[in-house]
N, C-alpha and C. Protein backbone atom coordinates (compact mmCIF):
# COMPACT_ATOMS: atom_id res chain seq x y z
N MET A 1 3.33 -7.05 -8.52
CA MET A 1 2.33 -6.05 -8.44
C MET A 1 3.16 -4.73 -7.87
N ILE A 2 2.95 -3.66 -8.68
CA ILE A 2 3.66 -2.43 -8.32
C ILE A 2 2.88 -1.71 -7.24
N PRO A 3 3.68 -1.30 -6.18
CA PRO A 3 2.88 -0.53 -5.15
C PRO A 3 2.10 0.70 -5.86
N TYR A 4 0.86 0.91 -5.41
CA TYR A 4 0.07 1.88 -6.16
C TYR A 4 0.72 3.23 -5.98
N TYR A 5 1.32 3.54 -4.89
CA TYR A 5 1.83 4.94 -4.80
C TYR A 5 3.23 5.19 -5.53
N LEU A 6 3.65 4.10 -6.20
CA LEU A 6 4.86 4.17 -6.94
C LEU A 6 4.73 3.92 -8.47
N THR A 7 3.50 3.80 -8.86
CA THR A 7 3.24 3.49 -10.33
C THR A 7 3.84 4.54 -11.28
N ALA A 8 3.78 5.85 -10.87
CA ALA A 8 4.29 6.90 -11.77
C ALA A 8 5.82 7.14 -11.48
N HIS A 9 6.41 6.31 -10.56
CA HIS A 9 7.80 6.56 -10.24
C HIS A 9 8.76 5.36 -10.41
N LEU A 10 8.26 4.35 -11.14
CA LEU A 10 9.09 3.28 -11.56
C LEU A 10 9.27 3.13 -12.95
N THR A 11 10.40 2.81 -13.52
CA THR A 11 10.62 2.61 -14.91
C THR A 11 11.45 1.25 -14.96
N ASN A 12 11.61 0.70 -16.23
CA ASN A 12 12.38 -0.47 -16.54
C ASN A 12 11.88 -1.57 -15.45
N VAL A 13 10.57 -1.75 -15.31
CA VAL A 13 10.01 -2.67 -14.35
C VAL A 13 10.09 -4.08 -14.94
N LYS A 14 10.53 -4.96 -14.05
CA LYS A 14 10.53 -6.48 -14.36
C LYS A 14 9.69 -7.08 -13.18
N GLU A 15 8.59 -7.68 -13.63
CA GLU A 15 7.70 -8.40 -12.64
C GLU A 15 7.99 -9.91 -12.66
N LYS A 16 8.37 -10.43 -11.58
CA LYS A 16 8.49 -11.87 -11.58
C LYS A 16 7.41 -12.39 -10.46
N LYS A 17 7.37 -13.76 -10.37
CA LYS A 17 6.42 -14.30 -9.47
C LYS A 17 6.32 -13.75 -8.10
N ASP A 18 7.45 -13.44 -7.48
CA ASP A 18 7.46 -13.06 -6.11
C ASP A 18 8.18 -11.72 -5.86
N LYS A 19 8.53 -11.06 -6.96
CA LYS A 19 9.20 -9.75 -6.71
C LYS A 19 9.03 -8.79 -7.89
N ILE A 20 9.26 -7.53 -7.66
CA ILE A 20 9.23 -6.53 -8.66
C ILE A 20 10.64 -5.79 -8.53
N VAL A 21 11.23 -5.61 -9.70
CA VAL A 21 12.53 -4.86 -9.76
C VAL A 21 12.24 -3.64 -10.78
N GLY A 22 12.60 -2.50 -10.32
CA GLY A 22 12.55 -1.25 -11.18
C GLY A 22 13.51 -0.17 -10.81
N VAL A 23 13.47 0.86 -11.61
CA VAL A 23 14.35 2.00 -11.47
C VAL A 23 13.57 3.25 -11.03
N LEU A 24 13.83 3.90 -10.02
CA LEU A 24 13.10 4.98 -9.57
C LEU A 24 13.32 6.10 -10.56
N ILE A 25 12.17 6.91 -10.81
CA ILE A 25 12.15 8.03 -11.80
C ILE A 25 11.26 9.19 -11.32
N SER A 26 11.72 10.27 -11.53
CA SER A 26 10.88 11.50 -11.20
C SER A 26 9.83 11.75 -12.28
N SER A 27 8.92 12.65 -12.01
CA SER A 27 7.76 12.87 -12.97
C SER A 27 8.32 13.52 -14.17
N SER A 28 9.52 14.16 -14.11
CA SER A 28 10.22 14.79 -15.28
C SER A 28 11.05 13.86 -16.00
N GLY A 29 11.09 12.63 -15.59
CA GLY A 29 11.88 11.52 -16.30
C GLY A 29 13.30 11.48 -15.83
N ASN A 30 13.72 12.07 -14.79
CA ASN A 30 15.07 12.03 -14.22
C ASN A 30 15.28 10.85 -13.40
N THR A 31 16.27 10.04 -13.59
CA THR A 31 16.66 9.01 -12.75
C THR A 31 17.83 9.13 -11.93
N ASP A 32 18.45 10.37 -12.05
CA ASP A 32 19.62 10.83 -11.16
C ASP A 32 19.06 11.39 -9.98
N LEU A 33 18.75 10.62 -8.93
CA LEU A 33 18.10 11.13 -7.82
C LEU A 33 18.88 11.13 -6.47
N GLU A 34 18.49 11.90 -5.45
CA GLU A 34 18.95 11.91 -4.25
C GLU A 34 18.08 11.12 -3.33
N ILE A 35 18.58 10.58 -2.22
CA ILE A 35 17.81 9.82 -1.33
C ILE A 35 17.90 10.64 -0.01
N TRP A 36 16.69 10.94 0.63
CA TRP A 36 16.54 11.53 1.91
C TRP A 36 15.97 10.47 2.86
N TYR A 37 16.26 10.52 4.07
CA TYR A 37 15.80 9.40 4.92
C TYR A 37 15.64 9.88 6.34
N TYR A 38 14.76 9.13 7.10
CA TYR A 38 14.79 9.23 8.51
C TYR A 38 15.17 7.79 8.95
N GLY A 39 16.06 7.64 9.87
CA GLY A 39 16.40 6.32 10.34
C GLY A 39 17.85 6.30 10.85
N GLU A 40 18.37 5.13 10.98
CA GLU A 40 19.71 4.90 11.52
C GLU A 40 20.49 4.48 10.36
N LEU A 41 21.80 4.89 10.28
CA LEU A 41 22.68 4.35 9.33
C LEU A 41 23.53 3.19 9.98
N LEU A 42 23.52 1.98 9.44
CA LEU A 42 24.37 0.87 9.93
C LEU A 42 25.58 0.83 9.16
N PRO A 43 26.73 0.89 9.87
CA PRO A 43 28.03 0.88 9.12
C PRO A 43 28.39 -0.55 8.50
N ILE A 44 27.91 -0.74 7.33
CA ILE A 44 28.10 -1.97 6.54
C ILE A 44 28.78 -1.59 5.30
N GLY A 45 30.05 -1.78 5.24
CA GLY A 45 30.76 -1.45 3.97
C GLY A 45 30.82 -0.03 3.61
N LYS A 46 31.18 0.17 2.35
CA LYS A 46 31.32 1.61 1.86
C LYS A 46 30.02 2.37 2.00
N PHE A 47 28.97 1.73 1.75
CA PHE A 47 27.63 2.45 1.85
C PHE A 47 26.87 2.01 3.03
N PRO A 48 26.64 2.85 4.02
CA PRO A 48 25.85 2.38 5.17
C PRO A 48 24.46 2.11 4.82
N TYR A 49 23.90 1.21 5.48
CA TYR A 49 22.48 0.82 5.29
C TYR A 49 21.54 1.71 6.12
N ILE A 50 20.47 2.08 5.47
CA ILE A 50 19.33 2.83 6.18
C ILE A 50 18.51 1.76 6.89
N ALA A 51 18.22 2.00 8.09
CA ALA A 51 17.44 1.07 9.02
C ALA A 51 16.52 1.88 9.85
N ASP A 52 15.61 1.14 10.58
CA ASP A 52 14.70 1.84 11.53
C ASP A 52 15.56 2.34 12.56
N SER A 53 15.04 3.47 13.21
CA SER A 53 15.75 4.11 14.31
C SER A 53 14.71 4.00 15.54
N GLU A 54 14.56 5.15 16.23
CA GLU A 54 13.62 5.17 17.30
C GLU A 54 12.17 4.90 16.69
N TYR A 55 11.94 5.44 15.56
CA TYR A 55 10.65 5.32 14.83
C TYR A 55 10.90 4.60 13.60
N PRO A 56 9.88 4.11 12.82
CA PRO A 56 10.05 3.43 11.46
C PRO A 56 10.75 4.33 10.48
N CYS A 57 11.70 3.77 9.61
CA CYS A 57 12.41 4.44 8.77
C CYS A 57 11.45 5.09 7.66
N LEU A 58 11.93 6.13 7.00
CA LEU A 58 11.18 6.85 5.99
C LEU A 58 12.17 7.15 4.90
N ILE A 59 11.91 6.76 3.65
CA ILE A 59 12.76 6.96 2.58
C ILE A 59 12.18 7.72 1.47
N VAL A 60 12.73 8.93 1.06
CA VAL A 60 12.10 9.84 0.06
C VAL A 60 13.14 10.02 -1.01
N ALA A 61 12.74 9.93 -2.29
CA ALA A 61 13.57 10.29 -3.41
C ALA A 61 13.36 11.76 -3.83
N LYS A 62 14.41 12.45 -4.15
CA LYS A 62 14.23 13.87 -4.49
C LYS A 62 15.05 14.08 -5.89
N ASP A 63 14.30 14.67 -6.79
CA ASP A 63 14.90 15.05 -8.12
C ASP A 63 15.58 16.44 -7.84
N PRO A 64 16.93 16.44 -7.84
CA PRO A 64 17.67 17.69 -7.59
C PRO A 64 17.48 18.75 -8.67
N LEU A 65 16.99 18.50 -9.81
CA LEU A 65 16.72 19.46 -10.92
C LEU A 65 15.42 20.24 -10.77
N THR A 66 14.47 19.49 -10.22
CA THR A 66 13.03 20.09 -10.01
C THR A 66 12.64 20.23 -8.64
N ASN A 67 13.35 19.60 -7.72
CA ASN A 67 12.99 19.67 -6.20
C ASN A 67 11.76 18.74 -5.92
N GLU A 68 11.29 18.01 -6.85
CA GLU A 68 10.17 17.03 -6.72
C GLU A 68 10.71 16.05 -5.72
N GLN A 69 9.79 15.64 -4.82
CA GLN A 69 9.98 14.58 -3.79
C GLN A 69 8.87 13.52 -3.77
N PHE A 70 9.20 12.36 -3.63
CA PHE A 70 8.14 11.43 -3.45
C PHE A 70 8.62 10.23 -2.47
N VAL A 71 7.73 9.75 -1.79
CA VAL A 71 7.96 8.64 -0.83
C VAL A 71 8.26 7.34 -1.58
N VAL A 72 9.32 6.76 -1.18
CA VAL A 72 9.69 5.48 -1.72
C VAL A 72 9.28 4.39 -0.75
N PHE A 73 9.51 4.58 0.61
CA PHE A 73 9.06 3.62 1.61
C PHE A 73 8.90 4.38 2.92
N ASP A 74 7.71 4.05 3.51
CA ASP A 74 7.46 4.51 4.86
C ASP A 74 7.10 3.26 5.71
N GLY A 75 8.12 3.07 6.61
CA GLY A 75 8.00 1.92 7.58
C GLY A 75 6.73 1.92 8.46
N ALA A 76 6.16 3.11 8.58
CA ALA A 76 4.97 3.22 9.42
C ALA A 76 3.69 2.85 8.59
N LYS A 77 3.72 2.65 7.33
CA LYS A 77 2.61 2.51 6.45
C LYS A 77 2.69 1.42 5.44
N HIS A 78 3.91 1.15 5.05
CA HIS A 78 4.17 0.19 3.87
C HIS A 78 4.86 -1.09 4.49
N GLY A 79 4.66 -2.16 3.75
CA GLY A 79 5.19 -3.39 4.17
C GLY A 79 4.16 -4.09 5.04
N TYR A 80 4.32 -5.52 5.10
CA TYR A 80 3.38 -6.24 5.90
C TYR A 80 3.30 -5.81 7.37
N ASP A 81 4.60 -5.72 8.05
CA ASP A 81 4.55 -5.33 9.48
C ASP A 81 3.95 -3.90 9.61
N GLY A 82 4.38 -3.00 8.75
CA GLY A 82 3.81 -1.56 8.85
C GLY A 82 2.29 -1.49 8.87
N MET A 83 1.73 -2.45 8.09
CA MET A 83 0.19 -2.43 7.74
C MET A 83 -0.52 -3.16 8.84
N PHE A 84 0.04 -4.34 9.30
CA PHE A 84 -0.73 -5.23 10.08
C PHE A 84 -0.21 -5.58 11.45
N CYS A 85 1.07 -5.23 11.74
CA CYS A 85 1.70 -5.73 13.02
C CYS A 85 2.20 -4.64 13.91
N ASN A 86 2.95 -3.67 13.36
CA ASN A 86 3.60 -2.65 14.28
C ASN A 86 2.63 -1.56 14.88
N ASP A 87 2.95 -1.19 16.02
CA ASP A 87 2.32 -0.05 16.65
C ASP A 87 2.41 1.25 15.78
N PRO A 88 1.33 1.82 15.36
CA PRO A 88 1.48 2.94 14.40
C PRO A 88 1.91 4.17 15.12
N MET A 89 2.24 4.17 16.34
CA MET A 89 2.58 5.35 17.03
C MET A 89 4.04 5.83 16.68
N GLY A 90 4.33 7.12 16.65
CA GLY A 90 5.69 7.54 16.46
C GLY A 90 6.07 7.96 15.10
N GLU A 91 5.15 8.14 14.19
CA GLU A 91 5.65 8.48 12.88
C GLU A 91 5.76 10.07 12.70
N GLU A 92 5.29 10.85 13.66
CA GLU A 92 5.42 12.25 13.54
C GLU A 92 6.86 12.59 13.91
N GLY A 93 7.33 13.82 13.31
CA GLY A 93 8.64 14.25 13.80
C GLY A 93 9.81 13.52 13.18
N ARG A 94 9.65 12.77 12.19
CA ARG A 94 10.71 12.13 11.54
C ARG A 94 11.39 13.08 10.54
N GLU A 95 12.47 13.65 11.01
CA GLU A 95 13.20 14.61 10.13
C GLU A 95 14.10 13.92 9.16
N LEU A 96 13.99 14.39 7.92
CA LEU A 96 14.73 13.74 6.84
C LEU A 96 16.19 14.30 6.78
N GLU A 97 17.12 13.36 6.47
CA GLU A 97 18.58 13.79 6.27
C GLU A 97 18.98 13.27 4.84
N LEU A 98 19.81 13.93 4.26
CA LEU A 98 20.36 13.62 2.91
C LEU A 98 21.23 12.41 3.14
N TYR A 99 21.00 11.31 2.30
CA TYR A 99 21.97 10.25 2.25
C TYR A 99 23.21 10.58 1.42
N GLY A 100 24.28 11.02 1.98
CA GLY A 100 25.26 11.81 1.38
C GLY A 100 26.35 10.88 0.77
N TYR A 101 26.20 9.54 0.84
CA TYR A 101 27.27 8.62 0.39
C TYR A 101 27.17 8.48 -1.14
N ALA A 102 26.11 8.69 -1.73
CA ALA A 102 25.96 8.55 -3.29
C ALA A 102 24.62 9.09 -3.76
N LYS A 103 24.57 9.35 -5.02
CA LYS A 103 23.27 9.69 -5.62
C LYS A 103 23.35 9.08 -7.06
N GLY A 104 22.15 9.06 -7.64
CA GLY A 104 22.16 8.52 -9.04
C GLY A 104 21.06 7.73 -9.33
N LYS A 105 21.23 6.78 -10.31
CA LYS A 105 20.17 5.81 -10.65
C LYS A 105 19.87 4.79 -9.59
N ILE A 106 18.74 4.64 -9.20
CA ILE A 106 18.47 3.79 -7.92
C ILE A 106 17.51 2.69 -8.39
N GLU A 107 18.00 1.46 -8.07
CA GLU A 107 17.28 0.27 -8.39
C GLU A 107 16.65 -0.23 -7.15
N ILE A 108 15.33 -0.50 -7.23
CA ILE A 108 14.63 -0.96 -6.03
C ILE A 108 14.01 -2.43 -6.39
N THR A 109 13.97 -3.26 -5.32
CA THR A 109 13.37 -4.55 -5.43
C THR A 109 12.46 -4.75 -4.22
N LEU A 110 11.26 -5.09 -4.61
CA LEU A 110 10.22 -5.47 -3.66
C LEU A 110 9.84 -6.89 -3.68
N GLY A 111 9.91 -7.56 -2.60
CA GLY A 111 9.56 -8.88 -2.49
C GLY A 111 8.12 -9.18 -1.93
N TYR A 112 7.52 -10.21 -2.53
CA TYR A 112 6.06 -10.49 -2.22
C TYR A 112 5.98 -12.01 -2.00
N ALA A 113 6.33 -12.56 -0.78
CA ALA A 113 6.19 -13.94 -0.57
C ALA A 113 4.92 -14.31 0.17
N ILE A 114 4.16 -13.41 0.66
CA ILE A 114 2.90 -13.63 1.44
C ILE A 114 1.79 -13.89 0.43
N ASP A 115 1.09 -15.00 0.56
CA ASP A 115 -0.08 -15.27 -0.21
C ASP A 115 -1.42 -14.65 0.37
N TYR A 116 -1.67 -13.41 0.07
CA TYR A 116 -2.74 -12.65 0.73
C TYR A 116 -4.08 -13.32 0.33
N GLU A 117 -4.23 -13.80 -0.82
CA GLU A 117 -5.61 -14.42 -1.17
C GLU A 117 -5.83 -15.63 -0.42
N ASP A 118 -4.70 -16.45 -0.08
CA ASP A 118 -4.81 -17.66 0.65
C ASP A 118 -5.16 -17.40 2.13
N GLU A 119 -4.67 -16.20 2.64
CA GLU A 119 -4.88 -15.91 3.99
C GLU A 119 -6.00 -14.80 4.23
N LYS A 120 -6.81 -14.59 3.18
CA LYS A 120 -7.79 -13.48 3.21
C LYS A 120 -8.75 -13.56 4.43
N ASP A 121 -9.05 -14.82 4.81
CA ASP A 121 -10.01 -15.01 5.94
C ASP A 121 -9.38 -14.56 7.30
N ASP A 122 -8.12 -14.26 7.30
CA ASP A 122 -7.47 -13.91 8.57
C ASP A 122 -7.57 -12.26 8.75
N TYR A 123 -8.05 -11.59 7.76
CA TYR A 123 -8.19 -10.09 7.84
C TYR A 123 -9.63 -9.69 8.11
N THR A 124 -9.77 -8.44 8.59
CA THR A 124 -11.06 -7.98 8.77
C THR A 124 -11.41 -6.94 7.56
N PHE A 125 -12.63 -7.06 6.96
CA PHE A 125 -13.00 -6.26 5.88
C PHE A 125 -14.31 -5.42 6.15
N ASN A 126 -14.45 -4.30 5.53
CA ASN A 126 -15.70 -3.63 5.61
C ASN A 126 -16.57 -3.92 4.48
N VAL A 127 -17.73 -3.37 4.16
CA VAL A 127 -18.66 -3.66 3.15
C VAL A 127 -18.07 -3.26 1.72
N ASN A 128 -17.12 -2.40 1.65
CA ASN A 128 -16.43 -1.96 0.47
C ASN A 128 -15.25 -2.74 0.00
N ASN A 129 -15.08 -3.92 0.62
CA ASN A 129 -13.94 -4.84 0.34
C ASN A 129 -12.62 -4.16 0.66
N GLU A 130 -12.64 -3.33 1.71
CA GLU A 130 -11.40 -2.61 2.19
C GLU A 130 -10.97 -3.41 3.45
N VAL A 131 -9.67 -3.61 3.54
CA VAL A 131 -9.11 -4.41 4.68
C VAL A 131 -8.72 -3.44 5.84
N GLN A 132 -9.01 -3.94 7.08
CA GLN A 132 -8.55 -3.10 8.24
C GLN A 132 -7.13 -3.16 8.51
N LEU A 133 -6.50 -1.97 8.67
CA LEU A 133 -4.99 -1.94 9.03
C LEU A 133 -4.78 -1.84 10.49
N ILE A 134 -3.60 -2.03 10.97
CA ILE A 134 -3.26 -1.95 12.39
C ILE A 134 -3.78 -0.66 13.02
N ASP A 135 -3.63 0.42 12.34
CA ASP A 135 -4.14 1.81 12.84
C ASP A 135 -5.61 2.00 12.91
N GLY A 136 -6.37 0.97 12.46
CA GLY A 136 -7.85 1.06 12.43
C GLY A 136 -8.47 1.51 11.20
N SER A 137 -7.64 2.16 10.30
CA SER A 137 -8.12 2.60 9.01
C SER A 137 -8.28 1.47 8.03
N TYR A 138 -9.04 1.80 6.90
CA TYR A 138 -9.29 0.75 5.83
C TYR A 138 -8.69 1.10 4.56
N LEU A 139 -8.21 0.14 3.83
CA LEU A 139 -7.59 0.39 2.54
C LEU A 139 -8.05 -0.58 1.60
N ASP A 140 -8.31 -0.21 0.37
CA ASP A 140 -8.72 -1.09 -0.75
C ASP A 140 -7.86 -2.35 -0.76
N TRP A 141 -8.47 -3.54 -0.85
CA TRP A 141 -7.77 -4.76 -0.76
C TRP A 141 -6.60 -4.96 -1.76
N ASN A 142 -6.79 -4.51 -3.01
CA ASN A 142 -5.75 -4.57 -4.09
C ASN A 142 -4.60 -3.55 -3.79
N LYS A 143 -4.90 -2.37 -3.31
CA LYS A 143 -3.97 -1.36 -2.93
C LYS A 143 -3.14 -2.03 -1.68
N ALA A 144 -3.81 -2.64 -0.78
CA ALA A 144 -3.16 -3.22 0.51
C ALA A 144 -2.11 -4.30 0.03
N LYS A 145 -2.63 -5.13 -1.05
CA LYS A 145 -1.67 -6.26 -1.50
C LYS A 145 -0.52 -5.60 -2.17
N SER A 146 -0.68 -4.41 -2.93
CA SER A 146 0.37 -3.91 -3.65
C SER A 146 1.51 -3.28 -2.72
N ILE A 147 1.08 -2.80 -1.53
CA ILE A 147 2.17 -2.23 -0.56
C ILE A 147 2.44 -3.23 0.48
N GLY A 148 1.86 -4.40 0.52
CA GLY A 148 2.14 -5.41 1.49
C GLY A 148 3.35 -6.26 1.26
N PHE A 149 4.27 -5.71 0.76
CA PHE A 149 5.53 -6.43 0.40
C PHE A 149 6.31 -6.78 1.64
N ASP A 150 7.05 -7.96 1.69
CA ASP A 150 7.66 -8.39 2.93
C ASP A 150 9.18 -8.17 2.86
N TRP A 151 9.76 -7.70 1.90
CA TRP A 151 11.14 -7.32 1.86
C TRP A 151 11.36 -6.16 0.82
N LEU A 152 12.45 -5.44 1.19
CA LEU A 152 12.83 -4.25 0.15
C LEU A 152 14.25 -4.10 0.18
N THR A 153 14.82 -3.96 -0.99
CA THR A 153 16.22 -3.60 -1.10
C THR A 153 16.29 -2.45 -2.14
N MET A 154 17.34 -1.59 -1.90
CA MET A 154 17.65 -0.58 -2.78
C MET A 154 19.11 -0.41 -3.02
N LYS A 155 19.53 -0.13 -4.25
CA LYS A 155 21.00 0.07 -4.48
C LYS A 155 21.09 1.04 -5.52
N PHE A 156 22.33 1.65 -5.68
CA PHE A 156 22.63 2.52 -6.63
C PHE A 156 23.12 1.67 -7.83
N ALA A 157 22.47 1.80 -8.99
CA ALA A 157 22.69 0.87 -10.12
C ALA A 157 24.17 0.89 -10.62
N ASP A 158 24.70 2.04 -10.75
CA ASP A 158 26.09 2.12 -11.22
C ASP A 158 27.15 1.57 -10.25
N LYS A 159 26.87 1.60 -8.94
CA LYS A 159 27.82 1.12 -7.99
C LYS A 159 27.52 -0.22 -7.50
N LYS A 160 26.35 -0.83 -7.73
CA LYS A 160 25.91 -2.10 -7.37
C LYS A 160 25.99 -2.34 -5.90
N LYS A 161 25.93 -1.39 -5.04
CA LYS A 161 25.99 -1.59 -3.58
C LYS A 161 24.66 -1.22 -3.01
N LYS A 162 24.14 -2.10 -2.25
CA LYS A 162 22.94 -1.94 -1.52
C LYS A 162 23.13 -0.89 -0.41
N PHE A 163 22.06 -0.12 -0.16
CA PHE A 163 22.01 0.73 0.94
C PHE A 163 20.70 0.71 1.78
N VAL A 164 19.87 -0.16 1.34
CA VAL A 164 18.68 -0.59 2.02
C VAL A 164 18.39 -2.08 1.84
N ASP A 165 18.18 -2.66 2.99
CA ASP A 165 17.92 -4.18 2.87
C ASP A 165 17.06 -4.44 4.10
N LEU A 166 15.70 -4.37 3.92
CA LEU A 166 14.83 -4.46 4.97
C LEU A 166 13.89 -5.71 4.88
N GLU A 167 13.73 -6.47 5.99
CA GLU A 167 12.71 -7.46 6.01
C GLU A 167 11.58 -6.92 6.72
N LEU A 168 10.42 -7.09 6.09
CA LEU A 168 9.17 -6.39 6.52
C LEU A 168 8.10 -7.21 6.99
N ALA A 169 8.31 -8.52 7.24
CA ALA A 169 7.32 -9.36 7.71
C ALA A 169 7.95 -10.43 8.67
C-alpha cells in the first residue's frame, strides 16, 4: 500500500506482501533529487545515516530544477510509532539542512509487518471510521494503514548506499 501522501511522488513501484519499493519523483518527472532533512547524521560508512535528533526526523525531497519540495517522511506523523506511540510534542522548529553527501535517483522501501485489520479492535474510531492518533486527531482508516509502515530505508540508486534505515514500531 503506497502512503497516500506519496502517491504522486513514487514511480517504478513494486508492491510485495509486506513492503513497497519505489523511486522518488517530482511532479515534473525529475528523479534527480536533493534530500533535505532535520535530524542527526550517524557516521556509518561513506554516507552518514539520517536519524532522529532532539525531535523526530523530517526528510524532504527537493527538485533542484523547479524548487518543488515534498515530504518523504515525518517522524512526528508517519510510521507506527509516530502515529500511535510517540509524544507528538517537539515537531515545531525543525530546520532543514541539505544532505550534501550525494543527490540523484532515490529508492525508498517501506515495510508493513503490522496486521492492522487483525488488531483493529485495539484502536479507537469515530463514527466516520477514522482512527484516533496519539495527538488526539483522527485519520481515515485506509490512509492511516498506508502511512503506518514499521520500517523505512532510503538509498541513492546509482551508489547503492543507504542513508536512511529507520525502525518505526
